[in-house]
Amino acid sequence: MYDARSTSTYRALMCQEIAENVCEFLDPSYYHRGKSRHTDKYKSKEYKSTLARLARTCKPLSDPALRVLWRRLDGINDLLQLLPQYTHPKPSTYWMAEPELPKLLSAEPDDDGWTRLQSYAIRVRQLKFCDWARVDHSTWMILSKRCNEAPLFPLLKRLLDFNIRSSDCEGAIVRLLFPPSLRSVTLFFDSWFEDEEDPRPFRDILQDIVARVPDVQHLALGRGIGRCASLHPITGLQSTTSLSFAPDISLDDVILAHCASLPTLRDLSCRVHARHATKLPSMRGAFQLLTRISLHGSAEDIVWFFKETSVASLRDILLVFDRTVDTDELLQSILEVLKVAPRSLRKFSMKIIIARNSPEPISLIEAIEPLLGLRHLQELTATSNHPFSLSAEDLIRMVTAWPDIHVLDIHDDRTRSALSVLPAHVLEQVAHRCPCLETLKLPRVDFTGLPPQAHEPVLDHDLVDLGFYPVTSSYHNDSDDEQEDSDSPGVVDWLNAALFIDRLFPRLDSDAEGAKLIMSDKSGTKLANLLSALRIGRRHAEAFDRMRVDSGGEPSCDSARPPILS
């Protein structure tokens, strides 16, 4: 039997779901989670403006648009601007030279204004506590009075970059910004702009925070926390899954033992000192359930940690080694760590700092030899201020061993080094052997002698992030003149090189802001510009083909060189 009421309800629900999906698609953070990993601030502004217009259109679009638009705030000033009592501060008052901050709220808001503010505050799920947009004491007191001991953002989930500095209203700030719903907190301690010599002890503030949000799952303690006398209040957290300590923090035995005893801990980032924990029985076989670890320290300390603890469940390892002069000892330490790494490992990253007077390069393939047996490795990142020794044969061994790899990032700071200059044709073998690769960063690539690419087919590869230093056989002389002859020996035809890269990786995100496609110099800029022109030309050609098909014509097959470059 036909039920008109049920059909009408179903259609209304479908329309509401469509409206919510449209608004979620306009969430700027949606694009940050994609393969590109780049942020386009102009596109973000455009999407926010579109969401604001949708919110003013009609009731079905208003609620989902406002939910997305107010989900994340970069500072509480955006919220305070809803009140007629708000006063815009001068730009100079954002910084630290003012003896007294100007009042952001000239008076206490009335009931109607406060109700309107609360209707938006309840939508906020993430707040970035921007330190450059400081809030004066009087405003904090007004907000505290209006909230009546309740939090300003009752459903807040994430609080980022909260600076605990000397002030006489920290209790009010903690009550306002730390609701019981909070699950992720990033704290740091930076009071260099304050005139007071003796700031309020950090331990009391941290104790207050832990008491208000005992169920916080992700806690990151950033720079300056090492100034504080003690971090022992965090031992009151019993359900934390992620703990991150800045490298300048020296963890004592109590904090290490607490981390080792947490049954919920899955992610740990800290500086390790073997001398602080060698006599702790609780460290033997600890951290059995960790899936990710980030360690800073000397080669000796990092090796000790992996030998003394249990790392059977690790899937992600990041190692940052202290500066050293002995490359042989460093390589041996990396090998010892990787020998005990579990078969479940999927991501491995390391950062190496070598003293400048060390003449020996770092043999990358020798350092990561045990990883070649992990067929399901998905990410490898190796960064150094010293040149890596990496041949084309070494790179082929790596990509053959890891067919499922998504990120391969090998970078050193010696862009003019003669070591690890890879021939361009090796990129083709990488493309064929690693179909899942999304990010590829290599030290130096030589495009000299590349065969013509005009009629080569285009591969269907998903790589979106590519970086390297483009060199020629004569790059030590930095000869990249505009009048060079592309047919002479040792000179690169950069258009041909761009066609070669575009043929292999047609989905490169060369238009993304925030990261250069090619490491910059005259040759790199020229190559990146040509790649961008190729993409524009291909889009134009595809548009013309669609117009031909729509009008009954035949699509063009000869699109090896787009019209814009012909």
Protein backbone atom coordinates (compact mmCIF):
# COMPACT_ATOMS: atom_id res chain seq x y z
CA MET A 1 0.00 0.00 0.00
CA TYR A 2 1.32 3.42 -0.97
CA ASP A 3 2.20 5.56 2.04
CA ALA A 4 2.56 9.21 1.00
CA ARG A 5 3.75 10.24 4.47
CA SER A 6 6.63 7.70 4.48
CA THR A 7 7.66 8.74 0.96
CA SER A 8 7.68 12.40 1.95
CA THR A 9 9.78 11.66 5.04
CA TYR A 10 12.23 9.61 2.98
CA ARG A 11 12.63 12.42 0.46
CA ALA A 12 13.22 14.95 3.22
CA LEU A 13 15.91 12.76 4.77
CA MET A 14 17.56 12.30 1.38
CA CYS A 15 17.58 16.05 0.76
CA GLN A 16 19.07 16.66 4.21
CA GLU A 17 21.78 14.05 3.59
CA ILE A 18 22.65 15.66 0.26
CA ALA A 19 22.92 19.08 1.93
CA GLU A 20 25.21 17.67 4.63
CA ASN A 21 27.44 15.94 2.06
CA VAL A 22 27.75 19.17 0.04
CA CYS A 23 28.83 21.09 3.14
CA GLU A 24 31.28 18.39 4.24
CA PHE A 25 32.84 18.49 0.77
CA LEU A 26 33.52 22.21 1.33
CA ASP A 27 35.40 21.53 4.59
CA PRO A 28 38.97 22.82 3.87
CA SER A 29 40.51 20.13 6.07
CA TYR A 30 38.99 17.47 3.78
CA TYR A 31 41.65 18.26 1.18
CA HIS A 32 44.47 18.20 3.72
CA ARG A 33 43.76 14.53 4.38
CA GLY A 34 44.10 13.57 0.71
CA LYS A 35 47.11 12.36 -1.20
CA SER A 36 48.38 15.86 -1.93
CA ARG A 37 49.05 16.83 1.73
CA HIS A 38 49.38 20.47 0.62
CA THR A 39 47.40 23.41 1.99
CA ASP A 40 45.93 26.00 -0.36
CA LYS A 41 44.98 28.99 1.78
CA TYR A 42 43.20 30.71 -1.10
CA LYS A 43 41.00 27.69 -1.75
CA SER A 44 40.35 27.45 1.99
CA LYS A 45 39.14 31.07 2.04
CA GLU A 46 36.93 30.43 -0.95
CA TYR A 47 35.32 27.40 0.68
CA LYS A 48 34.69 29.28 3.92
CA SER A 49 32.99 32.08 1.98
CA THR A 50 30.85 29.53 0.16
CA LEU A 51 29.85 27.91 3.46
CA ALA A 52 28.92 31.31 4.90
CA ARG A 53 26.69 32.02 1.89
CA LEU A 54 25.06 28.60 2.17
CA ALA A 55 24.37 29.21 5.86
CA ARG A 56 22.36 32.32 4.91
CA THR A 57 20.40 30.57 2.17
CA CYS A 58 17.79 28.41 3.91
CA LYS A 59 17.22 26.30 7.03
CA PRO A 60 18.13 22.89 5.47
CA LEU A 61 21.53 24.29 4.40
CA SER A 62 22.10 26.55 7.40
CA ASP A 63 22.69 23.89 10.07
CA PRO A 64 25.15 21.68 8.14
CA ALA A 65 27.01 24.73 6.76
CA LEU A 66 27.41 26.29 10.21
CA ARG A 67 28.51 22.96 11.66
CA VAL A 68 31.37 22.72 9.15
CA LEU A 69 32.21 26.44 9.24
CA TRP A 70 32.59 26.57 13.04
CA ARG A 71 34.11 23.14 13.53
CA ARG A 72 37.65 24.57 13.74
CA LEU A 73 38.69 27.95 15.13
CA ASP A 74 42.11 29.64 14.90
CA GLY A 75 41.78 31.64 18.08
CA ILE A 76 38.79 32.68 20.19
CA ASN A 77 38.79 36.21 18.71
CA ASP A 78 36.68 34.88 15.84
CA LEU A 79 34.04 33.92 18.39
CA LEU A 80 34.25 37.14 20.41
CA GLN A 81 33.62 39.20 17.26
CA LEU A 82 30.00 38.03 17.40
CA LEU A 83 29.47 40.34 20.38
CA PRO A 84 28.72 44.05 19.86
CA GLN A 85 31.02 44.80 22.82
CA TYR A 86 34.05 43.45 20.90
CA THR A 87 36.80 45.96 20.10
CA HIS A 88 39.27 45.17 17.31
CA PRO A 89 42.83 45.53 18.66
CA LYS A 90 45.50 47.40 16.77
CA PRO A 91 47.97 45.14 14.93
CA SER A 92 50.85 46.20 17.20
CA THR A 93 49.02 44.94 20.29
CA TYR A 94 49.27 41.34 19.07
CA TRP A 95 52.92 41.38 20.00
CA MET A 96 54.70 41.60 23.26
CA ALA A 97 55.84 45.20 23.63
CA GLU A 98 52.60 46.47 25.18
CA PRO A 99 52.75 46.97 28.98
CA GLU A 100 49.00 46.37 29.18
CA LEU A 101 46.81 44.64 26.62
CA PRO A 102 43.78 46.56 25.36
CA LYS A 103 40.38 45.27 26.37
CA LEU A 104 38.77 43.06 23.72
CA LEU A 105 35.38 43.33 25.41
CA SER A 106 34.40 46.83 26.47
CA ALA A 107 31.59 45.58 28.71
CA GLU A 108 29.75 42.46 29.77
CA PRO A 109 27.45 41.20 26.98
CA ASP A 110 23.70 41.13 27.48
CA ASP A 111 21.66 37.92 27.56
CA ASP A 112 20.70 38.01 23.88
CA GLY A 113 24.28 38.53 22.74
CA TRP A 114 25.56 35.81 25.05
CA THR A 115 22.92 33.33 23.88
CA ARG A 116 23.94 33.99 20.27
CA LEU A 117 27.62 33.44 21.12
CA GLN A 118 26.82 30.16 22.88
CA SER A 119 24.88 28.89 19.87
CA TYR A 120 28.09 29.12 17.84
CA ALA A 121 30.52 28.03 20.58
CA ILE A 122 28.73 24.71 20.98
CA ARG A 123 29.62 23.86 17.36
CA VAL A 124 33.39 24.21 17.89
CA ARG A 125 35.31 20.93 18.03
CA GLN A 126 38.88 22.16 17.55
CA LEU A 127 40.47 25.34 18.87
CA LYS A 128 43.94 26.61 18.07
CA PHE A 129 44.99 28.86 20.92
CA CYS A 130 46.85 31.46 18.84
CA ASP A 131 49.37 33.13 21.10
CA TRP A 132 49.79 36.09 18.77
CA ALA A 133 46.13 37.05 19.35
CA ARG A 134 46.36 37.58 23.10
CA VAL A 135 43.32 38.05 25.31
CA ASP A 136 43.45 40.53 28.16
CA HIS A 137 42.69 39.69 31.78
CA SER A 138 39.47 41.72 31.88
CA THR A 139 38.02 39.79 28.93
CA TRP A 140 38.86 36.45 30.55
CA MET A 141 37.09 37.54 33.72
CA ILE A 142 33.98 38.62 31.78
CA LEU A 143 33.86 35.28 29.97
CA SER A 144 34.39 33.38 33.21
CA LYS A 145 31.57 35.27 34.90
CA ARG A 146 29.13 34.69 32.03
CA CYS A 147 30.01 30.98 31.83
CA ASN A 148 29.51 30.61 35.60
CA GLU A 149 32.27 28.00 36.04
CA ALA A 150 31.15 26.14 32.88
CA PRO A 151 33.42 25.73 29.81
CA LEU A 152 33.18 28.23 26.96
CA PHE A 153 33.28 25.42 24.37
CA PRO A 154 31.24 22.59 25.95
CA LEU A 155 31.85 20.04 23.15
CA LEU A 156 35.48 20.85 22.34
CA LYS A 157 37.54 17.80 21.31
CA ARG A 158 40.97 19.23 20.41
CA LEU A 159 42.91 22.15 21.93
CA LEU A 160 46.11 23.01 20.05
CA ASP A 161 49.10 25.21 20.95
CA PHE A 162 47.92 26.21 24.41
CA ASN A 163 50.61 28.40 25.95
CA ILE A 164 50.71 28.23 29.73
CA ARG A 165 52.35 31.50 30.70
CA SER A 166 52.58 33.61 33.84
CA SER A 167 49.26 35.32 34.50
CA ASP A 168 46.82 35.75 37.33
CA CYS A 169 43.86 34.11 35.57
CA GLU A 170 45.10 30.66 34.56
CA GLY A 171 42.41 29.07 36.68
CA ALA A 172 39.74 30.89 34.69
CA ILE A 173 41.37 29.98 31.37
CA VAL A 174 41.58 26.30 32.31
CA ARG A 175 37.91 26.25 33.33
CA LEU A 176 36.88 27.94 30.08
CA LEU A 177 39.00 25.97 27.60
CA PHE A 178 39.28 22.48 29.16
CA PRO A 179 35.84 20.84 29.10
CA PRO A 180 35.42 17.17 30.08
CA SER A 181 34.82 16.36 26.37
CA LEU A 182 38.43 17.27 25.51
CA ARG A 183 40.41 14.34 24.06
CA SER A 184 43.51 15.94 22.49
CA VAL A 185 45.71 18.67 24.02
CA THR A 186 48.94 20.34 22.88
CA LEU A 187 50.70 22.40 25.56
CA PHE A 188 53.86 24.47 25.62
CA PHE A 189 55.43 26.94 28.03
CA ASP A 190 56.74 30.22 26.60
CA SER A 191 56.76 33.29 28.83
CA TRP A 192 59.66 35.17 27.27
CA PHE A 193 57.42 38.16 26.62
CA GLU A 194 56.37 38.51 30.27
CA ASP A 195 58.06 40.99 32.58
CA GLU A 196 57.70 38.86 35.69
CA GLU A 197 60.85 37.03 36.73
CA ASP A 198 59.12 34.29 38.71
CA PRO A 199 56.14 32.84 36.73
CA ARG A 200 53.56 30.73 38.46
CA PRO A 201 54.81 27.14 38.82
CA PHE A 202 53.74 25.08 35.87
CA ARG A 203 53.09 22.01 37.98
CA ASP A 204 50.00 23.55 39.62
CA ILE A 205 48.49 24.46 36.24
CA LEU A 206 49.21 21.01 34.84
CA GLN A 207 47.65 19.43 37.91
CA ASP A 208 44.51 21.52 37.35
CA ILE A 209 44.36 20.49 33.68
CA VAL A 210 44.74 16.79 34.48
CA ALA A 211 41.99 17.05 37.11
CA ARG A 212 39.57 18.60 34.60
CA VAL A 213 40.31 16.29 31.64
CA PRO A 214 41.39 12.93 33.14
CA ASP A 215 40.19 11.08 30.03
CA VAL A 216 42.38 12.97 27.54
CA GLN A 217 43.72 10.51 24.96
CA HIS A 218 46.37 12.55 23.13
CA LEU A 219 48.76 14.77 25.09
CA ALA A 220 51.68 16.66 23.55
CA LEU A 221 54.07 18.67 25.73
CA GLY A 222 55.99 21.09 23.54
CA ARG A 223 58.85 23.54 23.83
CA GLY A 224 59.69 25.15 27.14
CA ILE A 225 58.08 22.47 29.27
CA GLY A 226 61.59 21.39 30.27
CA ARG A 227 61.86 24.60 32.31
CA CYS A 228 59.27 23.33 34.71
CA ALA A 229 60.16 21.57 37.93
CA SER A 230 58.13 18.42 37.43
CA LEU A 231 55.79 16.66 35.03
CA HIS A 232 54.59 14.17 37.63
CA PRO A 233 50.94 15.35 37.47
CA ILE A 234 50.54 13.53 34.15
CA THR A 235 50.77 10.25 36.04
CA GLY A 236 47.10 10.89 36.83
CA LEU A 237 46.24 10.16 33.20
CA GLN A 238 45.32 6.49 32.88
CA SER A 239 43.60 6.24 29.48
CA THR A 240 46.12 8.09 27.30
CA THR A 241 46.83 6.51 23.91
CA SER A 242 49.39 9.06 22.65
CA LEU A 243 52.12 10.92 24.57
CA SER A 244 54.56 13.33 22.97
CA PHE A 245 57.40 15.11 24.79
CA ALA A 246 59.51 17.82 23.15
CA PRO A 247 63.18 16.87 22.58
CA ASP A 248 64.32 19.41 25.20
CA ILE A 249 62.46 17.49 27.95
CA SER A 250 64.49 15.01 29.98
CA LEU A 251 62.13 12.35 31.28
CA ASP A 252 62.91 11.12 34.78
CA ASP A 253 62.37 7.58 36.08
CA VAL A 254 58.84 8.31 37.33
CA ILE A 255 57.55 9.51 33.95
CA LEU A 256 59.30 6.69 32.07
CA ALA A 257 57.83 4.11 34.43
CA HIS A 258 54.37 5.64 34.03
CA CYS A 259 54.65 5.51 30.21
CA ALA A 260 55.81 1.90 30.39
CA SER A 261 52.89 0.93 32.64
CA LEU A 262 50.10 2.54 30.61
CA PRO A 263 48.05 -0.30 29.08
CA THR A 264 46.39 2.08 26.61
CA LEU A 265 49.55 3.75 25.25
CA ARG A 266 50.06 3.18 21.52
CA ASP A 267 52.10 6.21 20.43
CA LEU A 268 55.18 7.61 22.23
CA SER A 269 57.52 10.44 21.24
CA CYS A 270 60.38 11.48 23.54
CA ARG A 271 64.10 11.89 24.08
CA VAL A 272 65.62 8.76 25.59
CA HIS A 273 68.54 8.74 28.02
CA ALA A 274 69.83 5.28 28.91
CA ARG A 275 71.48 6.55 32.07
CA HIS A 276 68.06 7.51 33.49
CA ALA A 277 66.48 4.10 33.14
CA THR A 278 69.07 1.31 33.10
CA LYS A 279 68.19 0.26 36.65
CA LEU A 280 64.43 0.35 36.20
CA PRO A 281 63.01 -3.18 36.30
CA SER A 282 59.73 -1.87 34.87
CA MET A 283 61.52 -1.08 31.59
CA ARG A 284 62.40 -4.70 30.88
CA GLY A 285 60.05 -5.89 28.19
CA ALA A 286 57.87 -2.76 28.49
CA PHE A 287 55.91 -1.03 25.71
CA GLN A 288 54.65 -4.28 24.24
CA LEU A 289 51.54 -2.65 22.76
CA LEU A 290 53.21 0.39 21.17
CA THR A 291 52.43 0.75 17.46
CA ARG A 292 54.34 3.99 16.85
CA ILE A 293 57.46 5.43 18.45
CA SER A 294 59.55 8.55 17.83
CA LEU A 295 62.90 8.65 19.63
CA HIS A 296 65.49 11.41 19.94
CA GLY A 297 68.91 10.66 21.38
CA SER A 298 72.40 9.36 20.82
CA ALA A 299 72.95 6.19 18.81
CA GLU A 300 73.88 4.35 22.01
CA ASP A 301 70.71 5.40 23.86
CA ILE A 302 68.39 4.52 20.97
CA VAL A 303 69.96 1.07 20.59
CA TRP A 304 69.60 0.50 24.34
CA PHE A 305 65.88 1.33 24.22
CA PHE A 306 65.15 -1.17 21.44
CA LYS A 307 67.18 -3.92 23.12
CA GLU A 308 65.71 -3.44 26.60
CA THR A 309 62.04 -2.97 25.70
CA SER A 310 59.57 -5.00 23.68
CA VAL A 311 58.77 -3.62 20.22
CA ALA A 312 56.85 -6.57 18.80
CA SER A 313 53.80 -4.50 17.76
CA LEU A 314 55.53 -1.48 16.22
CA ARG A 315 54.31 -0.36 12.79
CA ASP A 316 55.91 3.10 12.66
CA ILE A 317 59.43 4.10 13.81
CA LEU A 318 60.99 7.59 13.69
CA LEU A 319 64.60 8.01 14.86
CA VAL A 320 66.35 11.37 15.27
CA PHE A 321 70.02 10.84 16.07
CA ASP A 322 72.14 13.39 17.91
CA ARG A 323 75.07 14.97 16.08
CA THR A 324 77.95 12.56 15.63
CA VAL A 325 81.32 12.37 13.88
CA ASP A 326 81.58 8.61 13.56
CA THR A 327 79.53 7.45 10.55
CA ASP A 328 80.60 3.82 11.04
CA GLU A 329 79.24 3.74 14.59
CA LEU A 330 76.03 5.38 13.41
CA LEU A 331 75.50 2.85 10.62
CA GLN A 332 76.13 0.00 13.04
CA SER A 333 73.56 1.45 15.46
CA ILE A 334 70.92 1.74 12.74
CA LEU A 335 71.56 -1.87 11.76
CA GLU A 336 71.19 -3.04 15.38
CA VAL A 337 67.85 -1.24 15.70
CA LEU A 338 66.48 -2.60 12.44
CA LYS A 339 67.55 -6.15 13.28
CA VAL A 340 65.13 -6.18 16.22
CA ALA A 341 62.39 -4.31 14.34
CA PRO A 342 59.24 -6.45 14.01
CA ARG A 343 57.89 -7.85 10.75
CA SER A 344 54.80 -5.70 11.28
CA LEU A 345 56.80 -2.51 10.56
CA ARG A 346 55.20 -0.37 7.84
CA LYS A 347 56.88 3.05 8.23
CA PHE A 348 60.49 3.89 9.02
CA SER A 349 62.01 7.39 9.23
CA MET A 350 65.41 8.59 10.39
CA LYS A 351 67.14 11.95 10.64
CA ILE A 352 70.93 12.05 10.79
CA ILE A 353 73.22 14.95 11.69
CA ILE A 354 76.91 14.43 10.91
CA ALA A 355 79.72 16.80 11.90
CA ARG A 356 80.80 18.82 8.88
CA ASN A 357 84.40 17.64 9.06
CA SER A 358 83.40 14.04 8.36
CA PRO A 359 84.64 13.10 4.85
CA GLU A 360 82.81 9.79 4.46
CA PRO A 361 79.36 9.66 2.80
CA ILE A 362 76.56 7.61 4.33
CA SER A 363 75.81 4.35 2.54
CA LEU A 364 72.04 4.31 2.70
CA ILE A 365 71.54 0.81 1.32
CA GLU A 366 73.98 -0.56 3.91
CA ALA A 367 72.17 1.20 6.76
CA ILE A 368 68.70 -0.09 5.86
CA GLU A 369 69.71 -3.57 4.68
CA PRO A 370 67.37 -5.37 7.16
CA LEU A 371 64.38 -3.43 5.79
CA LEU A 372 64.79 -5.02 2.37
CA GLY A 373 63.23 -8.17 3.80
CA LEU A 374 60.02 -6.34 4.78
CA ARG A 375 57.98 -6.69 1.61
CA HIS A 376 55.00 -4.75 2.96
CA LEU A 377 56.92 -1.60 3.97
CA GLN A 378 54.88 1.46 2.98
CA GLU A 379 57.02 4.47 3.91
CA LEU A 380 60.75 5.17 4.10
CA THR A 381 62.10 8.62 4.97
CA ALA A 382 65.83 9.30 5.33
CA THR A 383 67.08 12.84 5.97
CA SER A 384 70.67 13.98 6.54
CA ASN A 385 72.82 17.09 6.48
CA HIS A 386 75.55 14.86 4.99
CA PRO A 387 75.49 13.34 1.48
CA PHE A 388 74.03 9.88 1.05
CA SER A 389 75.72 7.34 -1.17
CA LEU A 390 72.90 5.96 -3.34
CA SER A 391 73.37 4.42 -6.78
CA ALA A 392 70.73 3.57 -9.38
CA GLU A 393 71.23 -0.12 -8.54
CA ASP A 394 70.60 0.61 -4.86
CA LEU A 395 67.38 2.44 -5.67
CA ILE A 396 66.18 -0.41 -7.90
CA ARG A 397 66.87 -2.88 -5.06
CA MET A 398 64.76 -0.79 -2.73
CA VAL A 399 61.73 -0.37 -4.99
CA THR A 400 61.89 -4.05 -6.00
CA ALA A 401 61.86 -5.09 -2.33
CA TRP A 402 58.88 -2.82 -1.49
CA PRO A 403 56.22 -3.06 -4.24
CA ASP A 404 53.56 -1.61 -1.88
CA ILE A 405 55.53 1.46 -0.85
CA HIS A 406 53.61 4.76 -0.75
CA VAL A 407 56.30 7.23 0.38
CA LEU A 408 60.00 7.13 -0.55
CA ASP A 409 61.73 10.26 0.71
CA ILE A 410 65.55 10.41 0.55
CA HIS A 411 66.98 13.86 1.13
CA ASP A 412 70.35 15.35 2.05
CA ASP A 413 71.43 18.99 2.22
CA ARG A 414 74.37 18.67 -0.17
CA THR A 415 72.62 19.63 -3.40
CA ARG A 416 75.94 20.16 -5.19
CA SER A 417 77.47 16.85 -4.14
CA ALA A 418 78.65 14.51 -6.91
CA LEU A 419 77.35 11.56 -4.90
CA SER A 420 73.94 9.98 -5.49
CA VAL A 421 73.41 11.56 -8.91
CA LEU A 422 70.80 9.23 -10.37
CA PRO A 423 70.16 8.91 -14.12
CA ALA A 424 66.68 10.07 -15.12
CA HIS A 425 65.73 6.75 -16.69
CA VAL A 426 65.66 5.17 -13.21
CA LEU A 427 62.40 7.07 -12.60
CA GLU A 428 60.71 4.90 -15.20
CA GLN A 429 61.71 1.72 -13.40
CA VAL A 430 60.47 3.19 -10.13
CA ALA A 431 57.11 4.02 -11.76
CA HIS A 432 56.67 0.49 -13.13
CA ARG A 433 57.77 -1.33 -9.96
CA CYS A 434 55.86 0.82 -7.44
CA PRO A 435 52.31 1.43 -8.70
CA CYS A 436 51.14 2.60 -5.24
CA LEU A 437 53.82 5.30 -4.83
CA GLU A 438 52.36 8.71 -3.89
CA THR A 439 55.45 10.64 -2.75
CA LEU A 440 58.95 10.37 -4.25
CA LYS A 441 61.86 12.56 -3.06
CA LEU A 442 65.39 11.90 -4.31
CA PRO A 443 68.67 13.80 -3.85
CA ARG A 444 69.81 14.54 -7.43
CA VAL A 445 68.60 13.43 -10.89
CA ASP A 446 70.56 13.87 -14.14
CA PHE A 447 68.49 14.34 -17.33
CA THR A 448 71.45 14.38 -19.74
CA GLY A 449 71.07 12.09 -22.76
CA LEU A 450 67.35 11.45 -22.27
CA PRO A 451 65.79 10.07 -25.51
CA PRO A 452 62.98 12.06 -27.19
CA GLN A 453 59.65 11.63 -25.44
CA ALA A 454 57.21 13.12 -27.96
CA HIS A 455 55.32 9.92 -28.85
CA GLU A 456 55.65 7.95 -25.59
CA PRO A 457 52.43 6.65 -23.99
CA VAL A 458 51.22 8.07 -20.65
CA LEU A 459 51.25 5.80 -17.58
CA ASP A 460 48.29 5.71 -15.20
CA HIS A 461 50.32 6.39 -12.03
CA ASP A 462 49.02 7.93 -8.77
CA LEU A 463 52.20 9.83 -7.76
CA VAL A 464 51.24 13.36 -6.66
CA ASP A 465 54.36 14.58 -4.80
CA LEU A 466 57.76 14.61 -6.55
CA GLY A 467 60.97 16.30 -5.46
CA PHE A 468 64.62 16.20 -6.51
CA TYR A 469 67.51 18.46 -7.50
CA PRO A 470 67.73 18.48 -11.33
CA VAL A 471 71.33 18.39 -12.55
CA THR A 472 73.27 17.92 -15.78
CA SER A 473 76.69 16.46 -16.42
CA SER A 474 78.11 19.99 -16.18
CA TYR A 475 76.05 21.22 -13.24
CA HIS A 476 79.11 21.93 -11.09
CA ASN A 477 79.77 24.91 -13.33
CA ASP A 478 76.19 26.13 -12.84
CA SER A 479 75.88 26.70 -16.59
CA ASP A 480 72.20 27.13 -17.29
CA ASP A 481 72.24 29.91 -19.84
CA GLU A 482 69.19 30.89 -21.79
CA GLN A 483 71.10 30.54 -25.10
CA GLU A 484 72.23 26.95 -24.55
CA ASP A 485 71.96 24.48 -27.44
CA SER A 486 69.81 21.53 -26.40
CA ASP A 487 71.58 19.30 -28.98
CA SER A 488 75.09 19.82 -27.61
CA PRO A 489 76.61 17.20 -25.25
CA GLY A 490 75.93 17.69 -21.54
CA VAL A 491 73.01 20.06 -22.11
CA VAL A 492 69.46 19.11 -21.12
CA ASP A 493 66.37 19.65 -23.26
CA TRP A 494 64.15 20.67 -20.35
CA LEU A 495 60.95 20.40 -22.37
CA ASN A 496 61.87 16.82 -23.23
CA ALA A 497 62.62 16.21 -19.50
CA ALA A 498 59.24 17.67 -18.56
CA LEU A 499 57.49 15.42 -21.10
CA PHE A 500 59.36 12.44 -19.62
CA ILE A 501 58.14 13.22 -16.08
CA ASP A 502 54.62 14.01 -17.27
CA ARG A 503 54.48 10.72 -19.18
CA LEU A 504 55.35 8.77 -16.01
CA PHE A 505 53.43 10.78 -13.42
CA PRO A 506 50.46 12.59 -15.01
CA ARG A 507 48.78 13.33 -11.66
CA LEU A 508 51.57 15.42 -10.11
CA ASP A 509 50.21 18.10 -7.82
CA SER A 510 52.36 20.84 -9.36
CA ASP A 511 49.80 23.57 -8.68
CA ALA A 512 49.66 22.99 -4.92
CA GLU A 513 50.84 25.79 -2.68
CA GLY A 514 53.23 25.29 0.20
CA ALA A 515 55.76 22.92 -1.36
CA LYS A 516 57.81 23.16 -4.52
CA LEU A 517 57.47 20.36 -7.00
CA ILE A 518 61.16 20.47 -7.94
CA MET A 519 63.92 21.64 -5.59
CA SER A 520 64.56 25.20 -6.68
CA ASP A 521 67.35 26.54 -8.83
CA LYS A 522 67.29 27.90 -12.40
CA SER A 523 66.90 24.43 -13.92
CA GLY A 524 64.36 23.32 -11.33
CA THR A 525 62.20 26.42 -11.85
CA LYS A 526 62.28 25.92 -15.61
CA LEU A 527 61.35 22.25 -15.31
CA ALA A 528 58.51 22.97 -12.86
CA ASN A 529 57.10 25.70 -15.12
CA LEU A 530 57.15 23.40 -18.15
CA LEU A 531 55.39 20.65 -16.17
CA SER A 532 52.70 23.09 -15.11
CA ALA A 533 52.26 24.19 -18.74
CA LEU A 534 51.93 20.57 -19.83
CA ARG A 535 49.13 19.99 -17.35
CA ILE A 536 47.30 23.11 -18.51
CA GLY A 537 47.73 22.07 -22.13
CA ARG A 538 46.43 18.57 -21.43
CA ARG A 539 43.36 19.94 -19.67
CA HIS A 540 42.66 22.20 -22.65
CA ALA A 541 43.09 19.30 -25.07
CA GLU A 542 40.71 17.12 -23.02
CA ALA A 543 38.14 19.92 -23.00
CA PHE A 544 38.37 20.29 -26.80
CA ASP A 545 38.01 16.52 -27.22
CA ARG A 546 34.86 16.50 -25.11
CA MET A 547 33.45 19.34 -27.22
CA ARG A 548 34.19 17.35 -30.41
CA VAL A 549 32.51 14.22 -29.06
CA ASP A 550 29.47 16.19 -27.89
CA SER A 551 29.14 17.74 -31.34
CA GLY A 552 29.43 14.37 -33.11
CA GLY A 553 33.11 14.61 -34.11
CA GLU A 554 36.00 12.29 -33.37
CA PRO A 555 38.39 12.88 -30.45
CA SER A 556 41.96 13.88 -31.24
CA CYS A 557 44.57 11.15 -30.75
CA ASP A 558 47.68 13.20 -31.34
CA SER A 559 48.11 14.92 -27.96
CA ALA A 560 51.71 14.05 -27.17
CA ARG A 561 52.67 17.75 -27.12
CA PRO A 562 49.82 19.90 -25.83
CA PRO A 563 48.92 22.91 -28.02
CA ILE A 564 50.30 25.36 -25.47
CA LEU A 565 53.84 23.96 -26.01
CA SER A 566 53.66 23.13 -29.72
